[in-house]
Protein backbone atom coordinates (compact mmCIF):
# COMPACT_ATOMS: atom_id res chain seq x y z
CA UNK A 1 10.62 101.64 5.70
CA UNK A 2 9.53 98.25 5.99
CA UNK A 3 10.72 95.78 2.79
CA UNK A 4 8.39 94.81 0.88
CA UNK A 5 9.00 90.56 0.61
CA UNK A 6 5.83 89.43 -1.47
CA UNK A 7 2.75 91.20 -3.11
CA UNK A 8 0.52 89.41 -0.06
CA UNK A 9 2.20 92.25 2.23
CA UNK A 10 -0.25 94.84 0.18
CA UNK A 11 -3.09 95.79 1.36
CA UNK A 12 -5.90 95.85 -0.96
CA UNK A 13 -8.51 98.84 -1.22
CA UNK A 14 -10.64 100.64 -3.56
CA UNK A 15 -8.78 103.95 -3.56
CA UNK A 16 -4.71 103.81 -2.82
CA UNK A 17 -2.80 100.56 -2.09
CA UNK A 18 -1.65 101.25 1.65
CA UNK A 19 1.19 99.12 2.64
CA UNK A 20 -0.33 96.64 5.49
CA UNK A 21 1.13 96.87 9.16
CA UNK A 22 4.75 94.98 8.94
CA UNK A 23 4.43 90.76 11.40
CA UNK A 24 6.73 90.94 13.68
CA UNK A 25 9.32 87.57 12.41
CA UNK A 26 8.88 85.35 15.67
CA UNK A 27 12.21 82.66 15.07
CA UNK A 28 10.79 78.96 16.29
CA UNK A 29 12.59 78.16 19.90
CA UNK A 30 14.95 75.74 20.11
CA UNK A 31 14.47 74.21 22.77
CA UNK A 32 11.26 72.52 20.96
CA UNK A 33 12.82 70.47 18.47
CA UNK A 34 14.10 68.07 21.14
CA UNK A 35 10.74 68.15 22.20
CA UNK A 36 9.05 67.05 19.19
CA UNK A 37 12.53 64.13 18.80
CA UNK A 38 11.28 62.39 21.97
CA UNK A 39 7.44 62.35 20.88
CA UNK A 40 8.32 60.93 17.83
CA UNK A 41 10.66 58.50 19.61
CA UNK A 42 7.72 57.40 21.72
CA UNK A 43 5.34 57.66 18.87
CA UNK A 44 7.08 54.69 17.20
CA UNK A 45 7.27 52.75 19.85
CA UNK A 46 4.80 51.98 19.89
CA UNK A 47 3.73 52.04 15.94
CA UNK A 48 6.96 50.13 15.83
CA UNK A 49 5.08 47.48 17.69
CA UNK A 50 2.17 47.50 16.04
CA UNK A 51 4.50 46.98 12.92
CA UNK A 52 5.66 44.07 14.31
CA UNK A 53 2.44 42.62 15.60
CA UNK A 54 0.68 42.90 12.41
CA UNK A 55 3.81 40.94 9.94
CA UNK A 56 3.33 38.46 12.74
CA UNK A 57 -0.05 38.17 12.42
CA UNK A 58 0.71 38.37 8.60
CA UNK A 59 2.55 35.39 9.34
CA UNK A 60 0.19 33.83 11.46
CA UNK A 61 -2.65 33.71 8.53
CA UNK A 62 -0.59 32.33 5.89
CA UNK A 63 1.31 29.66 7.41
CA UNK A 64 -2.54 28.09 8.77
CA UNK A 65 -3.64 29.38 5.03
CA UNK A 66 -0.91 26.55 3.44
CA UNK A 67 -1.09 24.62 6.03
CA UNK A 68 -5.78 24.80 5.28
CA UNK A 69 -4.71 24.33 1.43
CA UNK A 70 -2.48 21.47 1.97
CA UNK A 71 -4.26 19.45 4.99
CA UNK A 72 -7.17 20.14 1.88
CA UNK A 73 -5.01 18.26 -0.96
CA UNK A 74 -4.09 15.45 1.54
CA UNK A 75 -7.80 15.09 1.94
CA UNK A 76 -8.47 14.53 -2.20
CA UNK A 77 -5.63 12.36 -2.77
CA UNK A 78 -7.27 10.37 0.47
CA UNK A 79 -10.47 10.81 -1.34
CA UNK A 80 -8.91 9.35 -4.39
CA UNK A 81 -7.52 6.63 -3.34
CA UNK A 82 -10.93 5.32 -1.10
CA UNK A 83 -12.89 5.35 -4.28
CA UNK A 84 -10.20 3.66 -6.20
CA UNK A 85 -9.34 0.50 -3.71
CA UNK A 86 -13.83 0.88 -3.60
CA UNK A 87 -12.76 0.10 -7.61
CA UNK A 88 -10.73 -2.49 -6.57
CA UNK A 89 -12.66 -3.48 -3.89
CA UNK A 90 -16.31 -4.25 -6.40
CA UNK A 91 -13.74 -5.76 -9.48
CA UNK A 92 -12.77 -8.49 -6.79
CA UNK A 93 -15.84 -9.52 -6.14
CA UNK A 94 -17.07 -9.29 -8.86
CA UNK A 95 -14.25 -11.12 -10.19
CA UNK A 96 -14.74 -13.70 -7.10
CA UNK A 97 -18.79 -14.25 -7.52
CA UNK A 98 -17.92 -15.10 -10.96
CA UNK A 99 -15.30 -17.71 -10.59
CA UNK A 100 -18.26 -19.10 -7.67
CA UNK A 101 -21.16 -19.33 -9.73
CA UNK A 102 -18.65 -19.91 -11.98
CA UNK A 103 -17.29 -23.65 -9.99
CA UNK A 104 -21.12 -24.04 -8.81
CA UNK A 105 -21.88 -24.47 -11.74
CA UNK A 106 -19.70 -27.77 -13.11
CA UNK A 107 -20.45 -29.24 -10.10
CA UNK A 108 -23.01 -32.08 -10.71
CA UNK A 109 -23.94 -33.06 -7.22
CA UNK A 110 -26.04 -35.89 -9.22
CA UNK A 111 -23.32 -36.74 -10.41
CA UNK A 112 -20.62 -37.00 -7.01
CA UNK A 113 -23.54 -38.33 -5.17
CA UNK A 114 -23.78 -41.84 -8.67
CA UNK A 115 -20.42 -41.83 -8.52
CA UNK A 116 -20.10 -42.66 -4.32
CA UNK A 117 -22.33 -44.79 -4.77
CA UNK A 118 -21.45 -46.62 -7.31
CA UNK A 119 -18.20 -46.71 -6.88
CA UNK A 120 -17.59 -46.13 -3.80
CA UNK A 121 -19.90 -48.36 -2.16
CA UNK A 122 -21.18 -45.38 0.29
CA UNK A 123 -24.49 -45.05 1.46
CA UNK A 124 -26.71 -42.96 3.42
CA UNK A 125 -26.10 -43.29 7.51
CA UNK A 126 -28.03 -45.65 9.68
CA UNK A 127 -30.36 -44.29 12.79
CA UNK A 128 -27.49 -46.02 14.70
CA UNK A 129 -24.78 -45.20 13.21
CA UNK A 130 -25.39 -41.47 14.33
CA UNK A 131 -24.06 -40.14 17.51
CA UNK A 132 -25.11 -36.80 19.28
CA UNK A 133 -23.16 -34.36 22.10
CA UNK A 134 -23.70 -31.67 24.40
CA UNK A 135 -20.52 -29.56 23.68
CA UNK A 136 -21.55 -27.56 27.90
CA UNK A 137 -17.75 -28.67 28.33
CA UNK A 138 -15.65 -26.20 25.82
CA UNK A 139 -15.37 -25.58 22.72
CA UNK A 140 -13.78 -28.88 21.41
CA UNK A 141 -14.67 -32.66 21.74
CA UNK A 142 -11.91 -35.21 22.46
CA UNK A 143 -12.27 -38.25 20.47
CA UNK A 144 -11.86 -41.96 21.94
CA UNK A 145 -11.57 -45.37 20.67
CA UNK A 146 -12.66 -46.41 16.66
C-alpha cells in the first residue's frame, strides 16, 4: 500500500475515493548543480559588465550635470557683472557729460577774446602770416628757423 503524503494523492470521484496511482519520486541528478553554477558564472560576467557600464554612465552623466550647473552659475555671475559694469559706465558718461556742460557753460568765448585783444594785444592773423605746407614726406613736420 502506498504511503499517503497529502490530500492530493487521492482521486476525487462521484462514488468512492480511490487512491491515485503512485508517482515515482525522481531524485535530482547531482551533476546538474555544477552546470547551473557554470551557467550562473557565465551569466554573471555580462551582468557585472553591464552593472559597471551603468555605474560609469551614471558617473559621466552626474559629472556632466554638475559641470553644466557650474557653467550656468558662472554665466549668470558674468551676466550680472556685465550689467553692473554697464550701469557704472552709463553713470560715468552722464557725470562726464554734466561736467563738460558745466565747463562749457562757465567759459565765455566773448570775454576770452576781449581779454586777449585788450590786455594781451592779440590780433587776427594777416594774409602774409599764414603758411601752408604739404605733408607728403611723412607724419610729422620739422620746423627750422624762427
